[in-house]
């Protein structure tokens, strides 16, 4: 897991290379030419959080309605929704989950434009889809996904921005901003704050993660990583939803990891943090916003890019906490690298 985490700056650099950027641009241009009226993502687990990030991007940057499909509606209940004007995107690290391939098969039969985003260009998901994007993360050693998650984020970001450009080619300003990501990611990973904070949670019974907008998928993914590697029950909430009831469960014995950036989503979290303070919750802030007494600081970037950096210290925290609790993060009990669901 440590090796996979450390490879992420190189993964960003690889995806941004001319070879892969050009391939993604071709797919983005094909999508733009079809002019879908809405976008549906389908995914499981970690990839579901990447899909949620892409849904935010789609609605904010493209102005298109976007949502996450429920694969069981198709595979268990036999639903055949009319997706003739949609772009349907399957996001999967392995591309091997039968239910995701079935969603794309049904969507394509109904006239949808289908796209597979995966780390396995020879997978059933790619065979089913009309278009595909290779996230080019390379072999992932640990069961808990890290580098494939961030590769999905970056590939989806490049795809959406390419569709927005119309011809798939990212504007020069965008390319220059993205080119900084490998160095910023390396700098973030060099910070040992997550390892120093891990003992703080060694005896925690449960934990809450929270964020808004682009940061919400980060909160979801952080919670999953903590559960997978440390078996620590972790609940993820939108900052807005946290105030609608779950706030009552927070207290000094329930630590909170709050993802807070400098954009609109992060600004809205400034309302949440004082309420957590009233509950005397143990709060650690993750992100670029200079708020809170304890932080895992991340370089300040455009809020669209922040999830590519904010998750890095949280992955480090999950790894360090698992080791502190005497667990093996490379072999979580009961889990396999590829989970086949129908």
Protein backbone atom coordinates (compact mmCIF):
# COMPACT_ATOMS: atom_id res chain seq x y z
CA UNK A 1 0.00 0.00 0.00
CA UNK A 2 2.84 2.38 0.81
CA UNK A 3 4.44 1.76 -2.60
CA UNK A 4 1.14 2.30 -4.40
CA UNK A 5 0.59 5.58 -2.54
CA UNK A 6 4.08 6.80 -3.39
CA UNK A 7 3.58 6.11 -7.10
CA UNK A 8 0.76 8.63 -7.47
CA UNK A 9 2.85 11.65 -8.54
CA UNK A 10 4.34 9.52 -11.33
CA UNK A 11 0.83 8.35 -12.22
CA UNK A 12 -0.31 11.94 -12.65
CA UNK A 13 2.68 12.65 -14.84
CA UNK A 14 1.98 9.59 -16.98
CA UNK A 15 -1.69 10.47 -17.55
CA UNK A 16 -0.73 14.04 -18.46
CA UNK A 17 1.84 12.86 -21.01
CA UNK A 18 1.14 13.51 -24.68
CA UNK A 19 0.27 9.85 -25.34
CA UNK A 20 -2.48 9.55 -22.74
CA UNK A 21 -3.69 13.14 -22.91
CA UNK A 22 -4.20 12.75 -26.66
CA UNK A 23 -6.11 9.50 -26.19
CA UNK A 24 -8.43 11.10 -23.62
CA UNK A 25 -8.88 14.14 -25.87
CA UNK A 26 -10.07 11.89 -28.71
CA UNK A 27 -12.69 10.34 -26.46
CA UNK A 28 -13.75 13.76 -25.13
CA UNK A 29 -14.15 15.05 -28.70
CA UNK A 30 -16.34 12.06 -29.61
CA UNK A 31 -18.54 12.70 -26.57
CA UNK A 32 -18.82 16.41 -27.37
CA UNK A 33 -19.84 15.58 -30.94
CA UNK A 34 -22.71 13.38 -29.70
CA UNK A 35 -23.99 16.18 -27.41
CA UNK A 36 -25.57 14.02 -24.69
CA UNK A 37 -28.40 15.63 -22.73
CA UNK A 38 -27.46 14.00 -19.43
CA UNK A 39 -24.77 11.78 -17.97
CA UNK A 40 -25.17 8.62 -15.89
CA UNK A 41 -22.25 7.06 -14.03
CA UNK A 42 -22.16 3.50 -12.78
CA UNK A 43 -19.50 2.19 -10.39
CA UNK A 44 -18.86 0.31 -7.15
CA UNK A 45 -16.73 0.92 -4.07
CA UNK A 46 -13.81 3.29 -4.47
CA UNK A 47 -14.71 3.90 -8.11
CA UNK A 48 -18.16 5.04 -6.97
CA UNK A 49 -16.46 7.94 -5.18
CA UNK A 50 -14.55 8.84 -8.34
CA UNK A 51 -17.85 8.73 -10.23
CA UNK A 52 -19.44 11.05 -7.66
CA UNK A 53 -16.59 13.51 -8.22
CA UNK A 54 -17.20 13.29 -11.97
CA UNK A 55 -20.92 13.91 -11.43
CA UNK A 56 -20.09 17.17 -9.63
CA UNK A 57 -17.74 18.12 -12.47
CA UNK A 58 -20.37 17.30 -15.09
CA UNK A 59 -23.09 19.42 -13.54
CA UNK A 60 -20.83 22.35 -12.61
CA UNK A 61 -18.57 22.46 -15.67
CA UNK A 62 -20.82 21.10 -18.43
CA UNK A 63 -24.22 22.19 -17.13
CA UNK A 64 -25.61 18.71 -17.74
CA UNK A 65 -27.71 16.74 -15.24
CA UNK A 66 -25.65 13.87 -13.84
CA UNK A 67 -26.29 11.01 -11.49
CA UNK A 68 -25.14 7.60 -10.32
CA UNK A 69 -27.01 4.56 -11.58
CA UNK A 70 -28.08 1.72 -9.31
CA UNK A 71 -26.74 -1.39 -11.08
CA UNK A 72 -29.19 -3.63 -9.22
CA UNK A 73 -32.12 -1.87 -10.90
CA UNK A 74 -30.90 -3.43 -14.14
CA UNK A 75 -29.34 -6.69 -12.94
CA UNK A 76 -31.77 -7.74 -10.20
CA UNK A 77 -35.03 -6.02 -11.13
CA UNK A 78 -34.76 -6.12 -14.90
CA UNK A 79 -35.21 -2.37 -15.42
CA UNK A 80 -34.60 -1.10 -18.93
CA UNK A 81 -34.45 2.71 -18.60
CA UNK A 82 -34.56 4.86 -21.72
CA UNK A 83 -31.01 6.23 -21.93
CA UNK A 84 -31.10 7.15 -25.61
CA UNK A 85 -29.94 10.75 -25.01
CA UNK A 86 -27.43 9.90 -22.29
CA UNK A 87 -23.75 9.34 -21.92
CA UNK A 88 -23.38 6.31 -19.63
CA UNK A 89 -19.97 5.95 -18.01
CA UNK A 90 -18.78 2.81 -16.25
CA UNK A 91 -15.94 3.49 -13.82
CA UNK A 92 -14.04 0.46 -12.55
CA UNK A 93 -10.41 -0.20 -11.66
CA UNK A 94 -10.52 -3.79 -12.90
CA UNK A 95 -13.33 -3.47 -15.42
CA UNK A 96 -14.33 -6.95 -14.28
CA UNK A 97 -17.58 -6.43 -12.37
CA UNK A 98 -20.39 -8.15 -14.31
CA UNK A 99 -23.11 -5.79 -13.09
CA UNK A 100 -21.34 -2.69 -14.43
CA UNK A 101 -20.82 -4.34 -17.81
CA UNK A 102 -24.51 -5.28 -17.87
CA UNK A 103 -25.55 -1.67 -17.17
CA UNK A 104 -23.44 -0.51 -20.10
CA UNK A 105 -24.81 -3.28 -22.34
CA UNK A 106 -28.40 -2.33 -21.57
CA UNK A 107 -27.63 1.37 -21.93
CA UNK A 108 -25.97 0.86 -25.31
CA UNK A 109 -28.91 -1.23 -26.53
CA UNK A 110 -31.24 1.66 -25.64
CA UNK A 111 -29.19 4.09 -27.73
CA UNK A 112 -26.88 5.59 -25.11
CA UNK A 113 -23.28 6.52 -25.80
CA UNK A 114 -21.29 4.26 -23.47
CA UNK A 115 -17.82 4.82 -22.05
CA UNK A 116 -15.58 2.63 -19.88
CA UNK A 117 -13.02 4.27 -17.58
CA UNK A 118 -10.75 1.57 -16.22
CA UNK A 119 -7.22 0.42 -15.46
CA UNK A 120 -7.67 -2.69 -17.61
CA UNK A 121 -8.06 -1.95 -21.34
CA UNK A 122 -8.70 -5.67 -22.01
CA UNK A 123 -11.57 -5.95 -19.54
CA UNK A 124 -15.21 -6.97 -20.17
CA UNK A 125 -16.26 -3.39 -19.39
CA UNK A 126 -14.14 -2.06 -22.27
CA UNK A 127 -15.44 -4.78 -24.59
CA UNK A 128 -19.01 -3.73 -23.79
CA UNK A 129 -18.56 0.04 -24.15
CA UNK A 130 -18.39 2.06 -27.36
CA UNK A 131 -15.55 4.26 -26.02
CA UNK A 132 -12.91 3.71 -23.37
CA UNK A 133 -10.32 5.57 -21.32
CA UNK A 134 -7.27 3.81 -19.90
CA UNK A 135 -6.32 5.39 -16.56
CA UNK A 136 -2.81 3.90 -16.94
CA UNK A 137 -2.16 3.45 -13.22
CA UNK A 138 -0.16 0.25 -13.63
CA UNK A 139 -0.41 -2.83 -11.42
CA UNK A 140 -1.79 -2.04 -7.98
CA UNK A 141 -0.25 -4.26 -5.29
CA UNK A 142 -2.49 -3.63 -2.28
CA UNK A 143 -6.14 -4.67 -2.03
CA UNK A 144 -7.12 -1.20 -0.85
CA UNK A 145 -7.19 1.03 -3.94
CA UNK A 146 -5.11 4.20 -3.81
CA UNK A 147 -3.31 5.05 -7.04
CA UNK A 148 -6.15 3.74 -9.22
CA UNK A 149 -8.58 6.05 -7.41
CA UNK A 150 -6.57 9.19 -8.08
CA UNK A 151 -5.88 8.08 -11.66
CA UNK A 152 -9.64 7.78 -12.15
CA UNK A 153 -10.11 11.28 -10.74
CA UNK A 154 -7.55 12.80 -13.08
CA UNK A 155 -8.78 10.91 -16.15
CA UNK A 156 -12.36 11.98 -15.46
CA UNK A 157 -11.27 15.58 -14.92
CA UNK A 158 -9.39 15.60 -18.22
CA UNK A 159 -12.36 14.00 -19.95
CA UNK A 160 -14.93 16.51 -18.64
CA UNK A 161 -12.73 19.50 -19.37
CA UNK A 162 -12.04 18.11 -22.84
CA UNK A 163 -15.77 17.81 -23.50
CA UNK A 164 -16.19 21.37 -22.27
CA UNK A 165 -13.53 22.55 -24.72
CA UNK A 166 -15.54 20.97 -27.54
CA UNK A 167 -12.67 19.41 -29.48
CA UNK A 168 -11.20 17.49 -26.54
CA UNK A 169 -8.10 19.67 -26.30
CA UNK A 170 -7.54 21.27 -22.92
CA UNK A 171 -6.87 25.03 -22.94
CA UNK A 172 -3.23 26.02 -22.42
CA UNK A 173 -4.01 27.53 -19.00
CA UNK A 174 -5.64 24.28 -17.89
CA UNK A 175 -2.71 22.19 -19.12
CA UNK A 176 -0.26 24.43 -17.26
CA UNK A 177 -2.23 24.13 -14.01
CA UNK A 178 -2.49 20.36 -14.30
CA UNK A 179 1.23 20.08 -15.04
CA UNK A 180 1.91 21.23 -11.48
CA UNK A 181 0.01 18.32 -9.95
CA UNK A 182 2.85 15.75 -9.88
CA UNK A 183 5.14 18.10 -7.95
CA UNK A 184 2.34 19.19 -5.60
CA UNK A 185 1.39 15.57 -4.96
CA UNK A 186 5.00 14.66 -4.15
CA UNK A 187 5.21 17.59 -1.75
CA UNK A 188 1.98 16.52 -0.05
CA UNK A 189 3.15 12.93 0.36
CA UNK A 190 6.45 14.09 1.87
CA UNK A 191 4.61 15.62 4.85
CA UNK A 192 4.74 13.21 7.83
CA UNK A 193 1.74 14.75 9.63
CA UNK A 194 -0.56 11.77 8.89
CA UNK A 195 1.88 9.34 10.51
CA UNK A 196 2.18 11.60 13.56
CA UNK A 197 -1.61 11.88 13.88
CA UNK A 198 -2.36 8.16 13.49
CA UNK A 199 -1.85 7.28 17.20
CA UNK A 200 -4.59 9.82 18.00
CA UNK A 201 -7.12 7.38 16.53
CA UNK A 202 -5.60 4.11 17.68
CA UNK A 203 -8.35 3.40 20.21
CA UNK A 204 -11.20 5.22 18.47
CA UNK A 205 -14.47 3.29 18.31
CA UNK A 206 -15.88 5.22 15.36
CA UNK A 207 -15.07 8.22 13.22
CA UNK A 208 -16.83 10.76 11.01
CA UNK A 209 -15.57 12.27 7.75
CA UNK A 210 -17.18 15.28 6.12
CA UNK A 211 -16.83 17.73 3.24
CA UNK A 212 -18.96 19.59 0.69
CA UNK A 213 -19.01 19.75 -3.09
CA UNK A 214 -15.86 18.34 -4.66
CA UNK A 215 -14.63 17.44 -1.16
CA UNK A 216 -17.56 15.15 -0.40
CA UNK A 217 -16.23 12.24 -2.54
CA UNK A 218 -12.91 12.66 -0.68
CA UNK A 219 -14.72 12.26 2.63
CA UNK A 220 -16.47 9.16 1.28
CA UNK A 221 -13.22 7.61 0.04
CA UNK A 222 -11.38 8.40 3.29
CA UNK A 223 -14.07 6.66 5.30
CA UNK A 224 -13.87 3.59 3.08
CA UNK A 225 -10.07 3.40 3.37
CA UNK A 226 -10.24 3.58 7.16
CA UNK A 227 -12.84 0.83 7.28
CA UNK A 228 -10.97 -1.38 4.80
CA UNK A 229 -7.55 -1.16 6.43
CA UNK A 230 -8.19 -0.50 10.14
CA UNK A 231 -11.71 -1.94 10.52
CA UNK A 232 -12.67 1.38 12.11
CA UNK A 233 -16.36 2.20 11.58
CA UNK A 234 -16.31 5.48 9.66
CA UNK A 235 -19.35 7.44 8.50
CA UNK A 236 -19.09 10.00 5.70
CA UNK A 237 -21.49 12.92 5.49
CA UNK A 238 -21.86 15.98 3.35
CA UNK A 239 -21.21 19.01 5.54
CA UNK A 240 -24.78 20.08 4.87
CA UNK A 241 -26.23 16.69 5.76
CA UNK A 242 -24.14 16.55 8.92
CA UNK A 243 -26.10 19.51 10.27
CA UNK A 244 -29.39 17.75 9.50
CA UNK A 245 -29.20 15.29 12.36
CA UNK A 246 -25.91 13.33 12.41
CA UNK A 247 -24.22 16.23 14.21
CA UNK A 248 -25.88 14.88 17.36
CA UNK A 249 -23.61 11.82 17.36
CA UNK A 250 -20.40 13.88 17.46
CA UNK A 251 -18.71 14.43 20.80
CA UNK A 252 -15.17 14.27 22.26
CA UNK A 253 -15.13 10.48 21.71
CA UNK A 254 -16.08 10.64 18.02
CA UNK A 255 -13.20 12.12 15.96
CA UNK A 256 -14.05 14.11 12.83
CA UNK A 257 -11.93 14.51 9.69
CA UNK A 258 -13.19 17.61 7.87
CA UNK A 259 -12.05 18.22 4.28
CA UNK A 260 -11.95 22.00 3.86
CA UNK A 261 -10.58 23.81 0.83
CA UNK A 262 -10.51 27.41 -0.26
CA UNK A 263 -13.34 27.36 -2.83
CA UNK A 264 -17.13 27.59 -2.36
CA UNK A 265 -17.36 24.09 -0.89
CA UNK A 266 -14.67 24.84 1.65
CA UNK A 267 -16.17 28.22 2.48
CA UNK A 268 -19.51 26.55 3.25
CA UNK A 269 -17.72 24.25 5.72
CA UNK A 270 -16.87 27.29 7.85
CA UNK A 271 -20.47 27.03 9.09
CA UNK A 272 -20.00 23.38 10.04
CA UNK A 273 -16.75 23.67 12.02
CA UNK A 274 -18.14 25.95 14.79
CA UNK A 275 -21.06 23.58 15.26
CA UNK A 276 -18.61 20.71 15.72
CA UNK A 277 -16.76 22.92 18.19
CA UNK A 278 -19.96 23.32 20.19
CA UNK A 279 -20.11 19.54 20.44
CA UNK A 280 -16.45 19.53 21.62
CA UNK A 281 -15.67 17.09 18.80
CA UNK A 282 -12.05 16.14 18.09
CA UNK A 283 -11.67 17.74 14.65
CA UNK A 284 -8.74 17.51 12.23
CA UNK A 285 -9.00 19.66 9.10
CA UNK A 286 -7.66 18.29 5.82
CA UNK A 287 -7.06 20.65 2.92
CA UNK A 288 -5.80 24.07 1.96
CA UNK A 289 -8.02 26.18 4.23
CA UNK A 290 -6.10 27.61 7.18
CA UNK A 291 -8.76 26.80 9.77
CA UNK A 292 -8.84 24.58 12.83
CA UNK A 293 -6.19 23.95 15.43
CA UNK A 294 -5.01 20.65 13.94
CA UNK A 295 -4.51 20.29 10.18
CA UNK A 296 -3.20 18.01 7.50
CA UNK A 297 -2.29 20.85 5.14
CA UNK A 298 -2.51 20.49 1.37
CA UNK A 299 -1.32 22.99 -1.29
CA UNK A 300 -3.94 25.48 -2.42
CA UNK A 301 -5.21 24.70 -5.93
CA UNK A 302 -8.38 25.21 -7.95
CA UNK A 303 -11.17 23.47 -6.08
CA UNK A 304 -11.67 21.08 -9.03
CA UNK A 305 -8.13 19.77 -8.53
CA UNK A 306 -8.21 19.62 -4.73
CA UNK A 307 -9.54 16.01 -4.52
CA UNK A 308 -6.36 14.85 -6.30
CA UNK A 309 -4.31 16.19 -3.38
CA UNK A 310 -6.68 16.08 -0.38
CA UNK A 311 -7.01 12.29 -0.48
CA UNK A 312 -3.23 11.74 -0.27
CA UNK A 313 -2.73 12.51 3.45
CA UNK A 314 -5.90 10.56 4.20
CA UNK A 315 -4.48 7.51 2.43
CA UNK A 316 -1.31 7.94 4.49
CA UNK A 317 -3.41 8.21 7.64
CA UNK A 318 -5.29 5.00 6.81
CA UNK A 319 -2.01 3.18 6.23
CA UNK A 320 -0.37 4.48 9.41
CA UNK A 321 -3.44 3.85 11.55
CA UNK A 322 -3.74 0.26 10.33
CA UNK A 323 -0.13 -0.37 11.34
CA UNK A 324 -0.64 1.38 14.69
CA UNK A 325 -3.61 -0.89 15.39
CA UNK A 326 -1.58 -3.98 14.52
CA UNK A 327 -3.38 -4.68 11.25
CA UNK A 328 -2.03 -5.57 7.80
CA UNK A 329 -3.27 -2.91 5.34
CA UNK A 330 -2.05 -4.99 2.38
CA UNK A 331 -4.37 -7.87 3.17
CA UNK A 332 -7.67 -6.65 4.65
CA UNK A 333 -9.69 -9.55 5.99
CA UNK A 334 -12.49 -10.82 3.77
CA UNK A 335 -11.53 -8.67 0.76
CA UNK A 336 -10.20 -9.43 -2.70
CA UNK A 337 -8.80 -7.10 -5.35
CA UNK A 338 -11.65 -7.75 -7.79
CA UNK A 339 -15.18 -7.97 -6.40
CA UNK A 340 -17.70 -9.46 -8.83
CA UNK A 341 -21.31 -8.43 -8.13
CA UNK A 342 -24.55 -8.92 -10.02
